[in-house]
Amino acid sequence: MAKLYFRYGAMNSGKSTGLLQAAFNYEERGQRVLLAKPALDTKGDDEVVSRLGVTRAVDFLIPAGADVVELFHRHAAAEDPDALVDHLDGAVPPVACLLVDEAQFLEPAQVDDLLRIAVLEGVPVMAYGIRTDFRTHSFPGSGRLLELAHSLEELKTICRCGRKALFNTRQVTDPATGARRFVFEGDQVAIDGVQVTYESLCGACYLEESGGRLG
């Protein structure tokens, strides 16, 4: 039986890089993969963006409220004219794996769909994402993945002090002064860019910056 995998880690733990490497490994062996990510992740528009500078366009975006099983079927059947086709007999090769980036932004029902794809369609699903937000609260998608995934794998990164980073902190830039400061209140989702950035910290450094506050 195919499985649902959740590979999670703090920011800068190489999640997108790992996804792109997994896609390369499958394709190097002549197997077809589909890449997807939630439409809520506007960084890179319709691309998976690795912090190493490697990018790749996804096969489809997952909008809010979308049926992921239906999206998977549509693209697995190669209704997209740019989809891979076997040039020998014109057949569309089966999908060997579905890879999902920024899976924390999925809705719980969409994570349920990922499990259905793995179990009922027999296609392994590898979801990559972060576990908690800058307030140490679980994202809905990550929480559901932790409940449903057959396999959980933590991808590790290092805090500025050298210990393993566990938490994500948000920094904002004052447009008037250019000064940066940590914030521990605000909307759960704020895509990193010019005005908002993130730093992964260990528990001790997180508590130092937050003044002992969690959540």
N, C-alpha and C. Protein backbone atom coordinates (compact mmCIF):
# COMPACT_ATOMS: atom_id res chain seq x y z
N MET A 1 0.84 -1.20 0.00
CA MET A 1 0.00 0.00 0.00
C MET A 1 0.87 1.24 0.00
N ALA A 2 0.55 2.20 -0.85
CA ALA A 2 1.27 3.46 -0.86
C ALA A 2 1.00 4.22 0.43
N LYS A 3 1.90 5.12 0.78
CA LYS A 3 1.82 5.81 2.06
C LYS A 3 1.78 7.33 1.87
N LEU A 4 1.29 7.99 2.91
CA LEU A 4 1.35 9.45 3.03
C LEU A 4 2.50 9.78 3.95
N TYR A 5 3.44 10.56 3.46
CA TYR A 5 4.63 10.95 4.21
C TYR A 5 4.53 12.44 4.55
N PHE A 6 4.93 12.78 5.76
CA PHE A 6 5.03 14.19 6.15
C PHE A 6 6.45 14.46 6.60
N ARG A 7 7.14 15.28 5.84
CA ARG A 7 8.51 15.68 6.17
C ARG A 7 8.47 17.14 6.59
N TYR A 8 8.75 17.38 7.84
CA TYR A 8 8.55 18.70 8.41
C TYR A 8 9.83 19.20 9.06
N GLY A 9 9.90 20.50 9.22
CA GLY A 9 11.03 21.10 9.90
C GLY A 9 10.83 22.59 10.01
N ALA A 10 11.68 23.23 10.80
CA ALA A 10 11.63 24.68 10.93
C ALA A 10 12.08 25.32 9.62
N MET A 11 11.91 26.63 9.52
CA MET A 11 12.34 27.34 8.33
C MET A 11 13.83 27.08 8.08
N ASN A 12 14.18 27.00 6.80
CA ASN A 12 15.57 26.79 6.38
C ASN A 12 16.10 25.39 6.68
N SER A 13 15.20 24.42 6.82
CA SER A 13 15.65 23.05 7.08
C SER A 13 15.76 22.24 5.79
N GLY A 14 15.58 22.87 4.65
CA GLY A 14 15.80 22.19 3.38
C GLY A 14 14.59 21.43 2.86
N LYS A 15 13.39 21.85 3.25
CA LYS A 15 12.19 21.10 2.85
C LYS A 15 11.98 21.18 1.33
N SER A 16 11.98 22.38 0.77
CA SER A 16 11.76 22.52 -0.67
C SER A 16 12.91 21.89 -1.45
N THR A 17 14.11 22.01 -0.95
CA THR A 17 15.26 21.38 -1.60
C THR A 17 15.09 19.87 -1.60
N GLY A 18 14.63 19.32 -0.48
CA GLY A 18 14.39 17.88 -0.40
C GLY A 18 13.32 17.43 -1.36
N LEU A 19 12.26 18.24 -1.50
CA LEU A 19 11.19 17.89 -2.45
C LEU A 19 11.73 17.87 -3.88
N LEU A 20 12.50 18.88 -4.25
CA LEU A 20 13.03 18.93 -5.61
C LEU A 20 14.02 17.79 -5.86
N GLN A 21 14.75 17.41 -4.84
CA GLN A 21 15.67 16.27 -4.97
C GLN A 21 14.89 14.98 -5.16
N ALA A 22 13.78 14.83 -4.41
CA ALA A 22 12.95 13.63 -4.56
C ALA A 22 12.38 13.56 -5.97
N ALA A 23 11.91 14.70 -6.50
CA ALA A 23 11.39 14.72 -7.86
C ALA A 23 12.46 14.32 -8.86
N PHE A 24 13.67 14.84 -8.68
CA PHE A 24 14.78 14.50 -9.57
C PHE A 24 15.08 13.01 -9.51
N ASN A 25 15.07 12.44 -8.31
CA ASN A 25 15.39 11.02 -8.16
C ASN A 25 14.39 10.15 -8.91
N TYR A 26 13.10 10.48 -8.80
CA TYR A 26 12.09 9.72 -9.52
C TYR A 26 12.29 9.84 -11.03
N GLU A 27 12.48 11.05 -11.49
CA GLU A 27 12.56 11.28 -12.93
C GLU A 27 13.84 10.73 -13.53
N GLU A 28 14.88 10.69 -12.73
CA GLU A 28 16.13 10.11 -13.22
C GLU A 28 15.95 8.63 -13.54
N ARG A 29 14.97 8.02 -12.89
CA ARG A 29 14.66 6.60 -13.12
C ARG A 29 13.50 6.41 -14.09
N GLY A 30 13.15 7.48 -14.79
CA GLY A 30 12.13 7.39 -15.81
C GLY A 30 10.71 7.38 -15.30
N GLN A 31 10.50 7.82 -14.07
CA GLN A 31 9.16 7.80 -13.48
C GLN A 31 8.59 9.21 -13.45
N ARG A 32 7.27 9.28 -13.56
CA ARG A 32 6.57 10.56 -13.62
C ARG A 32 6.11 11.00 -12.23
N VAL A 33 6.30 12.26 -11.93
CA VAL A 33 5.83 12.83 -10.67
C VAL A 33 4.94 14.03 -10.96
N LEU A 34 4.10 14.36 -9.99
CA LEU A 34 3.34 15.60 -10.03
C LEU A 34 3.74 16.43 -8.83
N LEU A 35 3.92 17.74 -9.04
CA LEU A 35 4.23 18.67 -7.97
C LEU A 35 3.06 19.61 -7.77
N ALA A 36 2.76 19.89 -6.50
CA ALA A 36 1.65 20.78 -6.18
C ALA A 36 2.00 21.59 -4.95
N LYS A 37 1.29 22.70 -4.77
CA LYS A 37 1.41 23.47 -3.53
C LYS A 37 0.13 24.28 -3.36
N PRO A 38 -0.19 24.67 -2.13
CA PRO A 38 -1.38 25.50 -1.89
C PRO A 38 -1.25 26.86 -2.59
N ALA A 39 -2.35 27.33 -3.15
CA ALA A 39 -2.34 28.64 -3.80
C ALA A 39 -2.07 29.76 -2.80
N LEU A 40 -2.33 29.49 -1.51
CA LEU A 40 -2.08 30.49 -0.47
C LEU A 40 -0.62 30.89 -0.40
N ASP A 41 0.27 29.99 -0.78
CA ASP A 41 1.69 30.30 -0.78
C ASP A 41 2.03 31.09 -2.04
N THR A 42 2.09 32.39 -1.91
CA THR A 42 2.32 33.25 -3.07
C THR A 42 3.80 33.47 -3.37
N LYS A 43 4.67 32.97 -2.52
CA LYS A 43 6.10 33.11 -2.78
C LYS A 43 6.45 32.25 -4.00
N GLY A 44 7.00 32.87 -5.00
CA GLY A 44 7.34 32.13 -6.20
C GLY A 44 6.17 31.87 -7.11
N ASP A 45 5.00 32.44 -6.79
CA ASP A 45 3.81 32.25 -7.61
C ASP A 45 3.51 30.76 -7.79
N ASP A 46 3.73 30.23 -8.99
CA ASP A 46 3.40 28.82 -9.24
C ASP A 46 4.65 27.94 -9.24
N GLU A 47 5.67 28.34 -8.50
CA GLU A 47 6.92 27.58 -8.44
C GLU A 47 7.24 27.13 -7.02
N VAL A 48 7.92 26.00 -6.92
CA VAL A 48 8.58 25.60 -5.69
C VAL A 48 9.91 26.35 -5.66
N VAL A 49 10.16 27.05 -4.59
CA VAL A 49 11.37 27.88 -4.50
C VAL A 49 12.23 27.38 -3.35
N SER A 50 13.41 26.89 -3.69
CA SER A 50 14.37 26.46 -2.69
C SER A 50 15.25 27.63 -2.30
N ARG A 51 15.64 27.69 -1.04
CA ARG A 51 16.52 28.77 -0.59
C ARG A 51 17.93 28.64 -1.17
N LEU A 52 18.23 27.51 -1.79
CA LEU A 52 19.51 27.36 -2.48
C LEU A 52 19.48 28.01 -3.86
N GLY A 53 18.29 28.49 -4.27
CA GLY A 53 18.17 29.15 -5.55
C GLY A 53 17.59 28.29 -6.65
N VAL A 54 17.26 27.04 -6.35
CA VAL A 54 16.67 26.14 -7.33
C VAL A 54 15.16 26.32 -7.34
N THR A 55 14.57 26.40 -8.51
CA THR A 55 13.12 26.55 -8.62
C THR A 55 12.58 25.55 -9.64
N ARG A 56 11.29 25.28 -9.52
CA ARG A 56 10.61 24.42 -10.50
C ARG A 56 9.12 24.73 -10.44
N ALA A 57 8.50 24.84 -11.59
CA ALA A 57 7.07 25.09 -11.64
C ALA A 57 6.30 23.88 -11.14
N VAL A 58 5.23 24.13 -10.40
CA VAL A 58 4.36 23.04 -9.97
C VAL A 58 3.43 22.64 -11.11
N ASP A 59 2.90 21.45 -11.04
CA ASP A 59 1.93 21.00 -12.04
C ASP A 59 0.55 21.59 -11.77
N PHE A 60 0.24 21.82 -10.49
CA PHE A 60 -1.03 22.48 -10.18
C PHE A 60 -0.97 23.13 -8.80
N LEU A 61 -1.74 24.21 -8.66
CA LEU A 61 -1.95 24.86 -7.38
C LEU A 61 -3.21 24.32 -6.73
N ILE A 62 -3.27 24.39 -5.41
CA ILE A 62 -4.43 23.90 -4.66
C ILE A 62 -5.12 25.10 -4.02
N PRO A 63 -6.20 25.59 -4.61
CA PRO A 63 -6.91 26.74 -4.02
C PRO A 63 -7.65 26.34 -2.76
N ALA A 64 -8.03 27.33 -1.97
CA ALA A 64 -8.86 27.09 -0.79
C ALA A 64 -10.16 26.42 -1.22
N GLY A 65 -10.56 25.40 -0.49
CA GLY A 65 -11.81 24.71 -0.76
C GLY A 65 -11.76 23.71 -1.90
N ALA A 66 -10.60 23.57 -2.55
CA ALA A 66 -10.51 22.68 -3.70
C ALA A 66 -10.48 21.22 -3.27
N ASP A 67 -11.00 20.37 -4.14
CA ASP A 67 -10.95 18.91 -3.97
C ASP A 67 -9.62 18.43 -4.56
N VAL A 68 -8.71 17.99 -3.70
CA VAL A 68 -7.38 17.62 -4.17
C VAL A 68 -7.41 16.33 -4.97
N VAL A 69 -8.31 15.43 -4.62
CA VAL A 69 -8.43 14.19 -5.39
C VAL A 69 -8.82 14.52 -6.84
N GLU A 70 -9.77 15.42 -7.02
CA GLU A 70 -10.20 15.80 -8.36
C GLU A 70 -9.07 16.47 -9.13
N LEU A 71 -8.33 17.36 -8.46
CA LEU A 71 -7.19 18.01 -9.11
C LEU A 71 -6.14 16.97 -9.51
N PHE A 72 -5.90 16.03 -8.63
CA PHE A 72 -4.92 14.98 -8.93
C PHE A 72 -5.36 14.17 -10.15
N HIS A 73 -6.61 13.75 -10.18
CA HIS A 73 -7.11 12.97 -11.31
C HIS A 73 -6.97 13.74 -12.62
N ARG A 74 -7.31 15.02 -12.58
CA ARG A 74 -7.26 15.83 -13.79
C ARG A 74 -5.85 15.88 -14.36
N HIS A 75 -4.89 16.10 -13.50
CA HIS A 75 -3.52 16.25 -13.99
C HIS A 75 -2.84 14.90 -14.20
N ALA A 76 -3.23 13.90 -13.45
CA ALA A 76 -2.69 12.56 -13.70
C ALA A 76 -3.13 12.05 -15.07
N ALA A 77 -4.33 12.46 -15.50
CA ALA A 77 -4.84 12.05 -16.81
C ALA A 77 -4.28 12.91 -17.93
N ALA A 78 -3.45 13.88 -17.57
CA ALA A 78 -2.76 14.73 -18.54
C ALA A 78 -3.73 15.53 -19.38
N GLU A 79 -4.79 16.05 -18.74
CA GLU A 79 -5.64 16.99 -19.46
C GLU A 79 -4.87 18.27 -19.77
N ASP A 80 -3.83 18.52 -18.98
CA ASP A 80 -2.94 19.65 -19.28
C ASP A 80 -2.14 19.31 -20.54
N PRO A 81 -2.21 20.12 -21.59
CA PRO A 81 -1.51 19.78 -22.84
C PRO A 81 0.00 19.73 -22.70
N ASP A 82 0.55 20.33 -21.62
CA ASP A 82 1.99 20.31 -21.42
C ASP A 82 2.46 19.10 -20.63
N ALA A 83 1.53 18.22 -20.25
CA ALA A 83 1.90 17.07 -19.44
C ALA A 83 2.75 16.09 -20.23
N LEU A 84 3.54 15.32 -19.49
CA LEU A 84 4.43 14.33 -20.09
C LEU A 84 3.63 13.23 -20.78
N VAL A 85 4.02 12.87 -22.00
CA VAL A 85 3.38 11.80 -22.74
C VAL A 85 4.45 10.88 -23.29
N ASP A 86 4.21 9.58 -23.23
CA ASP A 86 5.13 8.60 -23.79
C ASP A 86 5.12 8.76 -25.32
N HIS A 87 6.25 9.08 -25.90
CA HIS A 87 6.31 9.35 -27.34
C HIS A 87 6.25 8.08 -28.18
N LEU A 88 6.38 6.91 -27.57
CA LEU A 88 6.35 5.68 -28.34
C LEU A 88 4.92 5.28 -28.71
N ASP A 89 4.03 5.34 -27.74
CA ASP A 89 2.66 4.91 -28.03
C ASP A 89 1.61 5.96 -27.70
N GLY A 90 2.05 7.16 -27.29
CA GLY A 90 1.11 8.22 -26.99
C GLY A 90 0.41 8.08 -25.66
N ALA A 91 0.78 7.06 -24.89
CA ALA A 91 0.12 6.83 -23.60
C ALA A 91 0.67 7.78 -22.55
N VAL A 92 -0.18 8.12 -21.60
CA VAL A 92 0.25 8.94 -20.47
C VAL A 92 0.78 8.02 -19.38
N PRO A 93 2.05 8.14 -18.99
CA PRO A 93 2.59 7.26 -17.96
C PRO A 93 1.92 7.51 -16.62
N PRO A 94 1.80 6.48 -15.79
CA PRO A 94 1.17 6.67 -14.49
C PRO A 94 2.01 7.56 -13.59
N VAL A 95 1.37 8.16 -12.63
CA VAL A 95 2.07 9.00 -11.67
C VAL A 95 2.69 8.12 -10.60
N ALA A 96 4.00 8.25 -10.41
CA ALA A 96 4.71 7.45 -9.42
C ALA A 96 4.68 8.07 -8.04
N CYS A 97 4.50 9.40 -7.97
CA CYS A 97 4.51 10.07 -6.67
C CYS A 97 3.91 11.47 -6.82
N LEU A 98 3.16 11.88 -5.80
CA LEU A 98 2.66 13.26 -5.70
C LEU A 98 3.47 13.96 -4.61
N LEU A 99 4.09 15.09 -4.97
CA LEU A 99 4.92 15.86 -4.05
C LEU A 99 4.23 17.18 -3.76
N VAL A 100 4.04 17.51 -2.49
CA VAL A 100 3.30 18.71 -2.09
C VAL A 100 4.20 19.58 -1.22
N ASP A 101 4.45 20.79 -1.68
CA ASP A 101 5.26 21.74 -0.92
C ASP A 101 4.36 22.64 -0.09
N GLU A 102 4.91 23.22 0.99
CA GLU A 102 4.20 24.16 1.87
C GLU A 102 2.86 23.57 2.34
N ALA A 103 2.92 22.31 2.74
CA ALA A 103 1.69 21.58 3.08
C ALA A 103 1.00 22.11 4.33
N GLN A 104 1.69 22.93 5.12
CA GLN A 104 1.04 23.50 6.31
C GLN A 104 -0.14 24.39 5.93
N PHE A 105 -0.14 24.91 4.69
CA PHE A 105 -1.22 25.80 4.26
C PHE A 105 -2.44 25.05 3.72
N LEU A 106 -2.40 23.75 3.67
CA LEU A 106 -3.57 22.99 3.25
C LEU A 106 -4.65 23.03 4.32
N GLU A 107 -5.88 22.86 3.89
CA GLU A 107 -6.99 22.70 4.83
C GLU A 107 -7.02 21.25 5.31
N PRO A 108 -7.51 20.99 6.53
CA PRO A 108 -7.56 19.61 7.01
C PRO A 108 -8.25 18.66 6.05
N ALA A 109 -9.34 19.09 5.42
CA ALA A 109 -10.04 18.21 4.47
C ALA A 109 -9.16 17.90 3.26
N GLN A 110 -8.28 18.81 2.88
CA GLN A 110 -7.38 18.57 1.77
C GLN A 110 -6.29 17.57 2.15
N VAL A 111 -5.87 17.59 3.41
CA VAL A 111 -4.94 16.56 3.88
C VAL A 111 -5.64 15.20 3.85
N ASP A 112 -6.91 15.16 4.21
CA ASP A 112 -7.67 13.91 4.09
C ASP A 112 -7.63 13.40 2.65
N ASP A 113 -7.73 14.32 1.69
CA ASP A 113 -7.65 13.93 0.28
C ASP A 113 -6.29 13.32 -0.05
N LEU A 114 -5.22 13.86 0.53
CA LEU A 114 -3.89 13.29 0.29
C LEU A 114 -3.83 11.84 0.76
N LEU A 115 -4.44 11.57 1.89
CA LEU A 115 -4.48 10.18 2.38
C LEU A 115 -5.27 9.30 1.42
N ARG A 116 -6.37 9.81 0.91
CA ARG A 116 -7.17 9.04 -0.05
C ARG A 116 -6.37 8.73 -1.31
N ILE A 117 -5.59 9.68 -1.78
CA ILE A 117 -4.77 9.45 -2.97
C ILE A 117 -3.77 8.34 -2.71
N ALA A 118 -3.13 8.37 -1.55
CA ALA A 118 -2.14 7.34 -1.22
C ALA A 118 -2.80 5.97 -1.08
N VAL A 119 -3.86 5.90 -0.31
CA VAL A 119 -4.45 4.61 0.03
C VAL A 119 -5.33 4.07 -1.10
N LEU A 120 -6.19 4.90 -1.66
CA LEU A 120 -7.16 4.42 -2.65
C LEU A 120 -6.60 4.43 -4.08
N GLU A 121 -5.71 5.37 -4.38
CA GLU A 121 -5.14 5.43 -5.72
C GLU A 121 -3.81 4.70 -5.83
N GLY A 122 -3.23 4.35 -4.67
CA GLY A 122 -1.97 3.63 -4.67
C GLY A 122 -0.78 4.46 -5.11
N VAL A 123 -0.87 5.78 -4.89
CA VAL A 123 0.22 6.69 -5.28
C VAL A 123 0.83 7.30 -4.02
N PRO A 124 2.11 7.09 -3.77
CA PRO A 124 2.74 7.71 -2.60
C PRO A 124 2.61 9.23 -2.66
N VAL A 125 2.36 9.82 -1.50
CA VAL A 125 2.26 11.28 -1.39
C VAL A 125 3.29 11.75 -0.38
N MET A 126 4.17 12.64 -0.80
CA MET A 126 5.18 13.22 0.09
C MET A 126 4.85 14.69 0.30
N ALA A 127 4.46 15.03 1.51
CA ALA A 127 4.09 16.40 1.87
C ALA A 127 5.21 17.01 2.70
N TYR A 128 5.60 18.22 2.35
CA TYR A 128 6.68 18.93 3.04
C TYR A 128 6.11 20.23 3.62
N GLY A 129 6.48 20.54 4.86
CA GLY A 129 5.99 21.77 5.45
C GLY A 129 6.55 22.02 6.83
N ILE A 130 6.14 23.14 7.41
CA ILE A 130 6.55 23.45 8.78
C ILE A 130 5.43 23.04 9.73
N ARG A 131 5.82 22.74 10.94
CA ARG A 131 4.86 22.21 11.91
C ARG A 131 4.09 23.31 12.62
N THR A 132 4.78 24.37 13.04
CA THR A 132 4.14 25.41 13.85
C THR A 132 4.45 26.79 13.30
N ASP A 133 3.61 27.74 13.67
CA ASP A 133 3.79 29.12 13.22
C ASP A 133 4.70 29.89 14.17
N PHE A 134 4.80 31.21 13.97
CA PHE A 134 5.70 32.03 14.78
C PHE A 134 5.24 32.19 16.22
N ARG A 135 4.01 31.73 16.51
CA ARG A 135 3.49 31.76 17.89
C ARG A 135 3.53 30.39 18.54
N THR A 136 4.17 29.43 17.87
CA THR A 136 4.30 28.02 18.30
C THR A 136 2.98 27.27 18.20
N HIS A 137 2.02 27.75 17.43
CA HIS A 137 0.75 27.06 17.22
C HIS A 137 0.82 26.23 15.94
N SER A 138 0.17 25.09 15.94
CA SER A 138 0.14 24.25 14.75
C SER A 138 -0.66 24.91 13.64
N PHE A 139 -0.17 24.76 12.42
CA PHE A 139 -0.99 25.08 11.26
C PHE A 139 -2.04 23.99 11.10
N PRO A 140 -3.23 24.33 10.60
CA PRO A 140 -4.27 23.30 10.42
C PRO A 140 -3.80 22.14 9.55
N GLY A 141 -3.12 22.44 8.46
CA GLY A 141 -2.65 21.37 7.59
C GLY A 141 -1.62 20.48 8.27
N SER A 142 -0.68 21.10 8.98
CA SER A 142 0.35 20.33 9.67
C SER A 142 -0.25 19.47 10.77
N GLY A 143 -1.19 20.05 11.50
CA GLY A 143 -1.82 19.27 12.57
C GLY A 143 -2.50 18.03 12.04
N ARG A 144 -3.19 18.17 10.91
CA ARG A 144 -3.87 17.01 10.33
C ARG A 144 -2.88 16.00 9.77
N LEU A 145 -1.79 16.48 9.19
CA LEU A 145 -0.76 15.57 8.70
C LEU A 145 -0.12 14.78 9.84
N LEU A 146 0.10 15.42 10.96
CA LEU A 146 0.66 14.71 12.11
C LEU A 146 -0.30 13.62 12.59
N GLU A 147 -1.59 13.83 12.39
CA GLU A 147 -2.59 12.84 12.79
C GLU A 147 -2.70 11.68 11.80
N LEU A 148 -2.52 11.97 10.50
CA LEU A 148 -2.84 10.97 9.47
C LEU A 148 -1.64 10.31 8.80
N ALA A 149 -0.51 10.97 8.74
CA ALA A 149 0.59 10.46 7.92
C ALA A 149 1.08 9.10 8.42
N HIS A 150 1.37 8.23 7.46
CA HIS A 150 1.94 6.93 7.80
C HIS A 150 3.37 7.09 8.32
N SER A 151 4.07 8.09 7.79
CA SER A 151 5.48 8.27 8.12
C SER A 151 5.76 9.74 8.41
N LEU A 152 6.43 10.00 9.53
CA LEU A 152 6.81 11.36 9.92
C LEU A 152 8.33 11.45 9.95
N GLU A 153 8.87 12.48 9.33
CA GLU A 153 10.32 12.67 9.32
C GLU A 153 10.64 14.13 9.60
N GLU A 154 11.44 14.36 10.63
CA GLU A 154 11.85 15.74 10.94
C GLU A 154 13.11 16.08 10.17
N LEU A 155 13.06 17.20 9.46
CA LEU A 155 14.23 17.74 8.77
C LEU A 155 14.84 18.81 9.67
N LYS A 156 16.10 18.69 9.97
CA LYS A 156 16.70 19.51 11.01
C LYS A 156 17.47 20.68 10.44
N THR A 157 17.51 21.76 11.23
CA THR A 157 18.34 22.92 10.92
C THR A 157 18.88 23.48 12.23
N ILE A 158 19.77 24.45 12.12
CA ILE A 158 20.53 24.91 13.27
C ILE A 158 20.12 26.33 13.66
N CYS A 159 19.97 26.56 14.95
CA CYS A 159 19.74 27.88 15.50
C CYS A 159 21.03 28.70 15.43
N ARG A 160 20.92 29.99 15.59
CA ARG A 160 22.09 30.87 15.56
C ARG A 160 23.09 30.54 16.67
N CYS A 161 22.62 29.87 17.73
CA CYS A 161 23.51 29.51 18.84
C CYS A 161 24.19 28.16 18.62
N GLY A 162 23.80 27.45 17.57
CA GLY A 162 24.39 26.15 17.27
C GLY A 162 23.55 24.97 17.68
N ARG A 163 22.50 25.20 18.49
CA ARG A 163 21.60 24.09 18.86
C ARG A 163 20.57 23.86 17.76
N LYS A 164 19.86 22.74 17.86
CA LYS A 164 18.85 22.43 16.87
C LYS A 164 17.70 23.44 16.96
N ALA A 165 17.32 24.01 15.82
CA ALA A 165 16.21 24.95 15.79
C ALA A 165 14.89 24.20 15.78
N LEU A 166 13.95 24.68 16.60
CA LEU A 166 12.63 24.06 16.71
C LEU A 166 11.51 24.99 16.28
N PHE A 167 11.68 26.29 16.52
CA PHE A 167 10.59 27.24 16.35
C PHE A 167 10.92 28.28 15.29
N ASN A 168 9.86 28.83 14.70
CA ASN A 168 9.99 29.88 13.69
C ASN A 168 9.62 31.22 14.32
N THR A 169 10.46 32.21 14.17
CA THR A 169 10.13 33.55 14.66
C THR A 169 9.94 34.49 13.48
N ARG A 170 9.04 35.43 13.66
CA ARG A 170 8.74 36.40 12.60
C ARG A 170 9.40 37.74 12.93
N GLN A 171 10.01 38.34 11.93
CA GLN A 171 10.57 39.67 12.06
C GLN A 171 9.91 40.58 11.03
N VAL A 172 9.64 41.81 11.45
CA VAL A 172 9.08 42.80 10.53
C VAL A 172 10.02 43.99 10.47
N THR A 173 9.93 44.71 9.36
CA THR A 173 10.78 45.89 9.13
C THR A 173 9.95 47.15 9.25
N ASP A 174 10.43 48.08 10.05
CA ASP A 174 9.79 49.39 10.15
C ASP A 174 10.10 50.15 8.85
N PRO A 175 9.08 50.47 8.05
CA PRO A 175 9.35 51.12 6.76
C PRO A 175 9.99 52.49 6.90
N ALA A 176 9.81 53.12 8.05
CA ALA A 176 10.37 54.47 8.24
C ALA A 176 11.86 54.42 8.58
N THR A 177 12.23 53.48 9.46
CA THR A 177 13.60 53.44 9.95
C THR A 177 14.42 52.30 9.36
N GLY A 178 13.74 51.27 8.83
CA GLY A 178 14.45 50.10 8.33
C GLY A 178 14.87 49.15 9.43
N ALA A 179 14.54 49.47 10.69
CA ALA A 179 14.91 48.61 11.80
C ALA A 179 14.03 47.35 11.81
N ARG A 180 14.63 46.23 12.20
CA ARG A 180 13.91 44.97 12.26
C ARG A 180 13.63 44.61 13.71
N ARG A 181 12.47 43.99 13.94
CA ARG A 181 12.13 43.55 15.29
C ARG A 181 11.30 42.27 15.23
N PHE A 182 11.42 41.47 16.27
CA PHE A 182 10.62 40.26 16.39
C PHE A 182 9.20 40.63 16.81
N VAL A 183 8.22 39.89 16.28
CA VAL A 183 6.83 40.08 16.68
C VAL A 183 6.26 38.71 17.05
N PHE A 184 5.33 38.72 17.99
CA PHE A 184 4.73 37.48 18.47
C PHE A 184 3.21 37.55 18.47
N GLU A 185 2.68 38.51 17.75
CA GLU A 185 1.24 38.63 17.54
C GLU A 185 0.99 38.94 16.07
N GLY A 186 -0.19 38.56 15.59
CA GLY A 186 -0.54 38.85 14.20
C GLY A 186 -1.18 37.66 13.53
N ASP A 187 -1.49 37.81 12.26
CA ASP A 187 -2.11 36.73 11.50
C ASP A 187 -1.16 35.54 11.40
N GLN A 188 -1.75 34.36 11.36
CA GLN A 188 -0.92 33.16 11.29
C GLN A 188 -0.09 33.13 10.01
N VAL A 189 -0.67 33.57 8.91
CA VAL A 189 0.01 33.49 7.62
C VAL A 189 0.48 34.87 7.19
N ALA A 190 1.77 34.99 6.96
CA ALA A 190 2.38 36.18 6.35
C ALA A 190 3.58 35.66 5.57
N ILE A 191 3.47 35.65 4.25
CA ILE A 191 4.51 35.08 3.42
C ILE A 191 5.76 35.94 3.51
N ASP A 192 6.91 35.28 3.67
CA ASP A 192 8.15 36.04 3.84
C ASP A 192 8.51 36.77 2.55
N GLY A 193 9.08 37.94 2.75
CA GLY A 193 9.45 38.80 1.62
C GLY A 193 10.28 39.96 2.13
N VAL A 194 10.02 41.15 1.60
CA VAL A 194 10.83 42.31 1.97
C VAL A 194 10.50 42.79 3.37
N GLN A 195 9.20 42.89 3.70
CA GLN A 195 8.79 43.45 4.99
C GLN A 195 8.71 42.41 6.10
N VAL A 196 8.56 41.15 5.75
CA VAL A 196 8.42 40.08 6.73
C VAL A 196 9.45 39.00 6.44
N THR A 197 10.22 38.63 7.44
CA THR A 197 11.17 37.54 7.32
C THR A 197 11.05 36.63 8.54
N TYR A 198 11.69 35.48 8.45
CA TYR A 198 11.60 34.50 9.53
C TYR A 198 12.99 34.01 9.90
N GLU A 199 13.14 33.64 11.17
CA GLU A 199 14.38 33.05 11.65
C GLU A 199 14.03 31.84 12.51
N SER A 200 14.73 30.75 12.28
CA SER A 200 14.51 29.53 13.06
C SER A 200 15.39 29.57 14.31
N LEU A 201 14.76 29.33 15.46
CA LEU A 201 15.48 29.39 16.73
C LEU A 201 15.24 28.14 17.56
N CYS A 202 16.18 27.84 18.44
CA CYS A 202 15.98 26.78 19.43
C CYS A 202 15.01 27.29 20.51
N GLY A 203 14.62 26.41 21.40
CA GLY A 203 13.69 26.81 22.46
C GLY A 203 14.23 27.91 23.34
N ALA A 204 15.51 27.82 23.70
CA ALA A 204 16.10 28.82 24.59
C ALA A 204 16.14 30.20 23.94
N CYS A 205 16.58 30.25 22.67
CA CYS A 205 16.66 31.54 21.99
C CYS A 205 15.27 32.11 21.70
N TYR A 206 14.31 31.24 21.41
CA TYR A 206 12.95 31.71 21.19
C TYR A 206 12.41 32.37 22.46
N LEU A 207 12.57 31.71 23.60
CA LEU A 207 12.06 32.26 24.86
C LEU A 207 12.78 33.55 25.24
N GLU A 208 14.07 33.63 24.88
CA GLU A 208 14.81 34.87 25.16
C GLU A 208 14.23 36.03 24.36
N GLU A 209 13.95 35.80 23.09
CA GLU A 209 13.41 36.86 22.24
C GLU A 209 11.97 37.21 22.58
N SER A 210 11.20 36.22 23.01
CA SER A 210 9.78 36.45 23.31
C SER A 210 9.53 36.89 24.74
N GLY A 211 10.59 36.96 25.55
CA GLY A 211 10.43 37.30 26.96
C GLY A 211 9.73 36.20 27.74
N GLY A 212 9.95 34.98 27.32
CA GLY A 212 9.37 33.83 28.00
C GLY A 212 7.98 33.46 27.51
N ARG A 213 7.51 34.17 26.51
CA ARG A 213 6.15 33.94 26.01
C ARG A 213 6.10 32.78 25.03
N LEU A 214 5.08 31.95 25.15
CA LEU A 214 4.81 30.88 24.19
C LEU A 214 3.34 31.01 23.77
N GLY A 215 3.12 31.28 22.50
CA GLY A 215 1.76 31.37 22.00
C GLY A 215 1.10 32.70 22.32
